[in-house]
Amino acid sequence: MASDPQLLINEGELNEILRIISAAKNPECKIVGSLFGLWRNSLTQPVVQLATGPGARAKVSKEMFKPDGAYHSEIKEYLDNDHGLLQIGLWCSGSRSRYPRLDRKSREFNLRNTLVPWKGRYVVLMFVNFTRGNLEIEYEIIDKARPESSRNASLTEKDVLPGASSFRLLHPVFDRLNQGAKFSARQKKQTGYFSTSMLQRNHHQPPPPSVPNKAIFVPTPEHEPQPSQWYESDGGHSLLKKLVNGFKSHGVSVDMSRDSNSHDMTLEINRSICLHFPVDFPRGRMSLTWLNDTSRFTRNADEICNTILHRTLNILSHETALSLSTRQTAC
């Protein structure tokens, strides 16, 4: 069984995290990076689409980590505004105990700092302990309102999505992440640091013999291609960006989530309406769901009738206007 609560992350992003840790030369250095992605239909099940490292001005050592606030803010704003990716949490090199302010068991625990995302109720904290070829990854999805109710989980093979994130393969995204990064990457698909087999070790067995602190180069297994997703094409990505920016320009909040099985995309508007886009949109039809309490409608038929009529006729009026405009242009 996959861990519950469950975090999903692309294989390529785990490879990127281990690449950054290896680039620091000393595995005991404290490194903190950001996790960007989407929340699935359940707000306790995030999907990590991008993992970023610290900026060039960050101070990294065994004793402390001081972030490059300007780089962090710029990347966060860019991914949110241009690609609709939210910062959902942080990843840290080493064990949880090395970061008292991020450890709920510590008296110093405090999520109020410049790196922790302030949007949303939940935040992901991932601790990547990668030393001497051994890998152990723990994560926690913390409810800011009730941090005592959060639970730890270990990353398993079933939590890893195959292949690279489609966002990392975009040239503008790759170039922007590299600008001002402390540990820049030479190419988008830089493999050889992570393999899912590294998560299958039984930690109750005696540890393997010590080896030099170098990245483990293993062949990346080939996987079946994922279904084509409309929002990952150039036109689909542009449409999604325009939709999100359009809602935001009217002061409307938008939360995106993606179903990990069907790959359908959902936009939750002001926590009251959901727009559902099937993976084969526009061939597949978009649907709309109202999230507010509808129980009172059974006692007030006039209200639900008027609401449906008003909203449907409003959509039809826009559709008619668009049709007339198209005909006039064609003439």
Protein backbone atom coordinates (compact mmCIF):
# COMPACT_ATOMS: atom_id res chain seq x y z
CA MET A 1 0.00 0.00 0.00
CA ALA A 2 1.18 3.54 -0.74
CA SER A 3 1.62 5.80 2.24
CA ASP A 4 -1.39 7.65 3.65
CA PRO A 5 -1.41 10.64 3.51
CA GLN A 6 0.21 10.24 0.13
CA LEU A 7 2.61 12.52 -1.66
CA LEU A 8 3.32 11.86 -5.33
CA ILE A 9 6.50 13.09 -7.00
CA ASN A 10 8.08 12.56 -10.40
CA GLU A 11 11.14 10.34 -10.58
CA GLY A 12 13.00 13.16 -12.32
CA GLU A 13 12.42 15.57 -9.43
CA LEU A 14 13.88 13.13 -6.90
CA ASN A 15 16.84 12.80 -9.24
CA GLU A 16 17.16 16.61 -9.23
CA ILE A 17 17.12 16.76 -5.41
CA LEU A 18 19.88 14.15 -5.15
CA ARG A 19 21.85 15.96 -7.85
CA ILE A 20 21.75 19.17 -5.80
CA ILE A 21 22.77 17.36 -2.61
CA SER A 22 25.66 15.69 -4.46
CA ALA A 23 26.75 19.01 -6.00
CA ALA A 24 27.27 20.42 -2.49
CA LYS A 25 30.19 17.96 -2.12
CA ASN A 26 29.57 17.51 1.61
CA PRO A 27 26.47 15.39 2.42
CA GLU A 28 26.26 16.97 5.87
CA CYS A 29 25.61 20.44 4.46
CA LYS A 30 22.19 21.85 5.24
CA ILE A 31 20.29 22.55 2.01
CA VAL A 32 16.68 23.68 1.76
CA GLY A 33 14.73 23.85 -1.49
CA SER A 34 11.13 24.35 -2.54
CA LEU A 35 8.45 21.96 -3.79
CA PHE A 36 6.00 23.22 -6.40
CA GLY A 37 2.96 21.40 -7.72
CA LEU A 38 -0.76 20.84 -7.39
CA TRP A 39 -3.13 19.37 -4.86
CA ARG A 40 -5.18 16.40 -5.90
CA ASN A 41 -8.91 16.29 -5.17
CA SER A 42 -8.05 15.54 -1.56
CA LEU A 43 -6.06 18.37 0.01
CA THR A 44 -3.90 15.81 1.83
CA GLN A 45 -2.57 14.35 -1.42
CA PRO A 46 -0.18 16.75 -3.17
CA VAL A 47 1.58 16.12 -6.49
CA VAL A 48 5.09 17.60 -6.75
CA GLN A 49 5.80 18.84 -10.28
CA LEU A 50 9.03 20.74 -9.63
CA ALA A 51 11.73 20.69 -6.96
CA THR A 52 14.05 23.68 -6.85
CA GLY A 53 17.26 24.30 -4.97
CA PRO A 54 18.63 27.39 -3.22
CA GLY A 55 19.73 30.59 -4.93
CA ALA A 56 23.34 31.56 -5.54
CA ARG A 57 23.48 33.85 -2.49
CA ALA A 58 22.31 31.16 -0.06
CA LYS A 59 24.75 30.25 2.72
CA VAL A 60 25.22 26.48 2.98
CA SER A 61 27.21 24.71 5.69
CA LYS A 62 27.02 21.86 8.21
CA GLU A 63 25.83 24.21 10.93
CA MET A 64 23.33 26.45 9.17
CA PHE A 65 21.38 27.34 6.03
CA LYS A 66 20.64 30.94 5.11
CA PRO A 67 18.33 31.27 2.07
CA ASP A 68 18.61 33.56 -0.92
CA GLY A 69 15.28 35.28 -0.37
CA ALA A 70 15.29 37.16 -3.68
CA TYR A 71 15.78 34.00 -5.77
CA HIS A 72 13.11 32.14 -3.81
CA SER A 73 10.55 34.94 -4.23
CA GLU A 74 11.25 35.38 -7.95
CA ILE A 75 10.91 31.66 -8.74
CA LYS A 76 7.78 31.37 -6.60
CA GLU A 77 6.13 34.33 -8.35
CA TYR A 78 7.19 33.14 -11.83
CA LEU A 79 5.85 29.59 -11.44
CA ASP A 80 2.59 30.83 -9.90
CA ASN A 81 1.88 33.58 -12.44
CA ASP A 82 3.22 31.95 -15.62
CA HIS A 83 2.51 28.26 -15.02
CA GLY A 84 -0.10 28.04 -12.27
CA LEU A 85 2.18 26.00 -9.99
CA LEU A 86 1.83 26.61 -6.28
CA GLN A 87 4.58 26.28 -3.75
CA ILE A 88 3.27 23.42 -1.64
CA GLY A 89 6.24 22.90 0.66
CA LEU A 90 9.97 22.48 1.28
CA TRP A 91 12.57 19.74 0.97
CA CYS A 92 15.55 19.58 3.32
CA SER A 93 18.74 17.56 3.09
CA GLY A 94 19.41 15.33 6.04
CA SER A 95 17.21 14.19 8.90
CA ARG A 96 14.33 16.09 10.51
CA SER A 97 16.25 16.56 13.78
CA ARG A 98 18.73 18.88 12.02
CA TYR A 99 15.97 21.45 11.44
CA PRO A 100 14.40 22.23 14.85
CA ARG A 101 12.13 24.95 13.46
CA LEU A 102 10.60 22.44 11.04
CA ASP A 103 10.40 19.59 13.56
CA ARG A 104 7.05 19.38 15.37
CA LYS A 105 8.72 17.53 18.25
CA SER A 106 11.06 20.44 18.89
CA ARG A 107 10.30 23.39 21.14
CA GLU A 108 11.65 25.64 18.37
CA PHE A 109 9.01 24.47 15.87
CA ASN A 110 7.69 27.47 13.96
CA LEU A 111 6.41 27.58 10.39
CA ARG A 112 6.59 31.37 10.24
CA ASN A 113 9.58 31.97 7.99
CA THR A 114 10.17 33.35 4.53
CA LEU A 115 10.50 29.96 2.81
CA VAL A 116 7.36 28.22 4.04
CA PRO A 117 4.40 28.89 1.71
CA TRP A 118 1.81 31.12 3.34
CA LYS A 119 -1.04 30.29 0.95
CA GLY A 120 -3.33 27.38 1.76
CA ARG A 121 -4.03 25.38 4.87
CA TYR A 122 -1.49 22.60 4.31
CA VAL A 123 2.26 22.53 3.81
CA VAL A 124 4.57 19.65 2.82
CA LEU A 125 7.89 19.11 4.56
CA MET A 126 10.20 16.51 3.01
CA PHE A 127 13.47 15.36 4.57
CA VAL A 128 15.94 13.67 2.23
CA ASN A 129 18.68 11.79 4.07
CA PHE A 130 21.23 10.79 1.40
CA THR A 131 24.61 9.76 2.80
CA ARG A 132 27.13 7.13 1.74
CA GLY A 133 24.83 5.82 -0.95
CA ASN A 134 21.95 5.26 1.47
CA LEU A 135 18.66 7.03 0.84
CA GLU A 136 15.79 7.57 3.24
CA ILE A 137 13.01 10.07 2.55
CA GLU A 138 10.44 11.14 5.11
CA TYR A 139 7.67 13.65 4.57
CA GLU A 140 4.87 15.25 6.48
CA ILE A 141 1.74 17.06 5.30
CA ILE A 142 1.10 19.59 8.04
CA ASP A 143 -2.28 21.13 8.77
CA LYS A 144 -1.36 24.68 9.77
CA ALA A 145 -4.55 24.99 11.78
CA ARG A 146 -3.91 21.72 13.66
CA PRO A 147 -0.22 20.79 13.35
CA GLU A 148 -0.53 18.24 16.16
CA SER A 149 -2.79 16.12 13.94
CA SER A 150 -0.17 15.75 11.19
CA ARG A 151 1.54 12.42 10.56
CA ASN A 152 4.92 11.37 9.23
CA ALA A 153 5.29 9.00 6.29
CA SER A 154 8.15 7.38 4.40
CA LEU A 155 8.34 7.73 0.63
CA THR A 156 7.85 4.40 -1.12
CA GLU A 157 8.22 3.24 -4.70
CA LYS A 158 4.44 3.53 -5.19
CA ASP A 159 4.64 7.25 -4.40
CA VAL A 160 7.00 7.90 -7.34
CA LEU A 161 5.60 8.89 -10.74
CA PRO A 162 7.66 7.57 -13.68
CA GLY A 163 9.79 9.80 -15.87
CA ALA A 164 10.39 13.53 -15.88
CA SER A 165 8.00 16.31 -15.02
CA SER A 166 6.57 17.96 -18.13
CA PHE A 167 7.28 21.37 -16.58
CA ARG A 168 11.02 20.69 -16.22
CA LEU A 169 11.16 19.78 -19.91
CA LEU A 170 9.89 23.25 -20.89
CA HIS A 171 12.83 25.39 -22.06
CA PRO A 172 11.61 28.64 -20.40
CA VAL A 173 11.11 26.90 -17.04
CA PHE A 174 14.48 25.14 -17.13
CA ASP A 175 16.30 28.35 -18.07
CA ARG A 176 14.52 30.41 -15.41
CA LEU A 177 15.28 27.92 -12.63
CA ASN A 178 18.95 27.93 -13.61
CA GLN A 179 19.26 31.71 -13.56
CA GLY A 180 20.70 32.59 -10.19
CA ALA A 181 20.68 29.02 -8.86
CA LYS A 182 23.46 27.94 -6.53
CA PHE A 183 23.66 24.45 -8.06
CA SER A 184 22.65 24.94 -11.69
CA ALA A 185 21.96 21.98 -13.99
CA ARG A 186 23.63 21.46 -17.37
CA GLN A 187 20.72 19.71 -19.02
CA LYS A 188 17.02 19.15 -18.39
CA LYS A 189 17.12 15.34 -18.17
CA GLN A 190 20.22 14.86 -16.04
CA THR A 191 19.75 11.29 -14.84
CA GLY A 192 21.79 8.85 -12.84
CA TYR A 193 21.34 10.06 -9.27
CA PHE A 194 18.05 8.39 -8.33
CA SER A 195 16.45 5.02 -8.96
CA THR A 196 13.27 3.65 -7.39
CA SER A 197 15.29 0.60 -6.28
CA MET A 198 16.96 2.89 -3.75
CA LEU A 199 13.64 3.08 -1.88
CA GLN A 200 13.23 -0.69 -1.62
CA ARG A 201 15.96 -1.32 0.92
CA ASN A 202 15.04 -2.91 4.22
CA HIS A 203 16.51 -0.58 6.82
CA HIS A 204 16.46 -3.36 9.41
CA GLN A 205 19.21 -5.15 7.54
CA PRO A 206 22.87 -4.31 8.23
CA PRO A 207 23.91 -1.24 6.21
CA PRO A 208 26.07 -1.88 3.13
CA PRO A 209 29.82 -1.22 3.28
CA SER A 210 30.81 2.42 3.24
CA VAL A 211 31.50 3.86 -0.18
CA PRO A 212 32.93 7.23 -1.25
CA ASN A 213 30.45 10.08 -1.15
CA LYS A 214 29.62 10.17 -4.85
CA ALA A 215 26.42 10.03 -6.79
CA ILE A 216 25.29 6.51 -7.67
CA PHE A 217 24.94 6.26 -11.44
CA VAL A 218 22.31 3.73 -12.41
CA PRO A 219 20.42 3.33 -15.68
CA THR A 220 17.02 5.00 -15.69
CA PRO A 221 14.34 2.38 -16.54
CA GLU A 222 12.10 3.03 -19.52
CA HIS A 223 8.40 3.48 -18.82
CA GLU A 224 5.32 3.46 -20.94
CA PRO A 225 4.40 6.96 -22.12
CA GLN A 226 1.67 8.73 -20.19
CA PRO A 227 -1.51 9.74 -22.02
CA SER A 228 -1.37 12.99 -23.96
CA GLN A 229 -2.64 15.80 -21.74
CA TRP A 230 -4.18 18.91 -23.30
CA TYR A 231 -2.80 21.28 -20.67
CA GLU A 232 0.78 20.20 -21.39
CA SER A 233 0.67 21.16 -25.08
CA ASP A 234 1.64 24.69 -26.13
CA GLY A 235 -1.95 25.68 -26.92
CA GLY A 236 -3.37 23.97 -23.84
CA HIS A 237 -0.79 25.54 -21.56
CA SER A 238 -1.60 28.98 -22.98
CA LEU A 239 -5.34 28.40 -22.47
CA LEU A 240 -4.88 27.24 -18.88
CA LYS A 241 -2.69 30.26 -18.12
CA LYS A 242 -5.27 32.65 -19.61
CA LEU A 243 -8.08 31.04 -17.59
CA VAL A 244 -6.21 31.28 -14.29
CA ASN A 245 -5.03 34.84 -14.93
CA GLY A 246 -8.52 35.83 -16.08
CA PHE A 247 -10.10 34.63 -12.84
CA LYS A 248 -7.36 36.26 -10.74
CA SER A 249 -7.81 39.58 -12.54
CA HIS A 250 -11.38 39.60 -11.21
CA GLY A 251 -10.22 38.90 -7.66
CA VAL A 252 -11.28 35.25 -7.82
CA SER A 253 -9.11 32.57 -6.20
CA VAL A 254 -8.21 29.49 -8.24
CA ASP A 255 -6.92 26.18 -6.85
CA MET A 256 -5.78 23.59 -9.40
CA SER A 257 -5.66 19.85 -8.85
CA ARG A 258 -5.05 16.85 -11.06
CA ASP A 259 -6.34 13.32 -10.69
CA SER A 260 -3.32 11.01 -10.62
CA ASN A 261 -5.19 8.16 -12.35
CA SER A 262 -7.32 9.86 -15.01
CA HIS A 263 -5.04 12.95 -15.36
CA ASP A 264 -8.19 15.12 -15.50
CA MET A 265 -7.66 18.73 -14.43
CA THR A 266 -9.91 20.52 -11.94
CA LEU A 267 -10.08 24.26 -11.24
CA GLU A 268 -11.75 25.09 -7.93
CA ILE A 269 -13.10 28.62 -8.12
CA ASN A 270 -13.51 30.56 -4.85
CA ARG A 271 -14.10 27.24 -3.08
CA SER A 272 -17.64 27.21 -4.48
CA ILE A 273 -17.44 26.04 -8.11
CA CYS A 274 -15.34 23.33 -9.77
CA LEU A 275 -14.53 23.28 -13.48
CA HIS A 276 -13.62 19.74 -14.58
CA PHE A 277 -11.50 19.34 -17.73
CA PRO A 278 -11.09 15.75 -19.02
CA VAL A 279 -7.64 14.72 -20.21
CA ASP A 280 -8.84 14.75 -23.85
CA PHE A 281 -10.37 18.25 -23.67
CA PRO A 282 -11.71 19.86 -25.90
CA ARG A 283 -12.79 16.57 -27.49
CA GLY A 284 -14.02 15.53 -24.07
CA ARG A 285 -16.62 17.82 -22.55
CA MET A 286 -15.89 20.15 -19.66
CA SER A 287 -18.29 19.94 -16.71
CA LEU A 288 -19.15 22.25 -13.83
CA THR A 289 -19.94 21.34 -10.21
CA TRP A 290 -21.31 23.64 -7.52
CA LEU A 291 -19.62 22.89 -4.19
CA ASN A 292 -21.91 24.87 -1.90
CA ASP A 293 -24.55 23.22 0.24
CA THR A 294 -27.48 22.22 -1.98
CA SER A 295 -29.60 20.52 0.67
CA ARG A 296 -31.85 23.58 1.03
CA PHE A 297 -32.73 23.42 -2.66
CA THR A 298 -35.01 20.47 -1.95
CA ARG A 299 -37.09 22.89 0.10
CA ASN A 300 -36.93 25.77 -2.35
CA ALA A 301 -37.55 24.67 -5.91
CA ASP A 302 -37.96 28.23 -7.17
CA GLU A 303 -34.46 29.18 -6.06
CA ILE A 304 -32.66 26.30 -7.74
CA CYS A 305 -34.78 26.73 -10.89
CA ASN A 306 -33.97 30.43 -11.12
CA THR A 307 -30.26 29.81 -10.47
CA ILE A 308 -30.00 27.17 -13.19
CA LEU A 309 -31.98 29.24 -15.69
CA HIS A 310 -30.00 32.41 -15.02
CA ARG A 311 -26.58 30.77 -15.32
CA THR A 312 -27.50 28.64 -18.34
CA LEU A 313 -29.03 31.56 -20.24
CA ASN A 314 -26.00 33.67 -19.40
CA ILE A 315 -23.71 31.05 -20.96
CA LEU A 316 -25.98 30.73 -24.01
CA SER A 317 -26.01 34.51 -24.52
CA HIS A 318 -22.21 34.58 -24.63
CA GLU A 319 -22.19 31.59 -26.99
CA THR A 320 -24.69 33.32 -29.32
CA ALA A 321 -22.68 36.55 -29.32
CA LEU A 322 -19.51 34.63 -30.14
CA SER A 323 -21.27 32.80 -32.99
CA LEU A 324 -22.59 36.06 -34.50
CA SER A 325 -19.16 37.68 -34.21
CA THR A 326 -17.55 34.74 -36.00
CA ARG A 327 -20.10 34.89 -38.83
CA GLN A 328 -19.62 38.62 -39.31
CA THR A 329 -15.87 38.18 -39.46
CA ALA A 330 -16.24 35.41 -42.04
CA CYS A 331 -18.39 37.66 -44.26
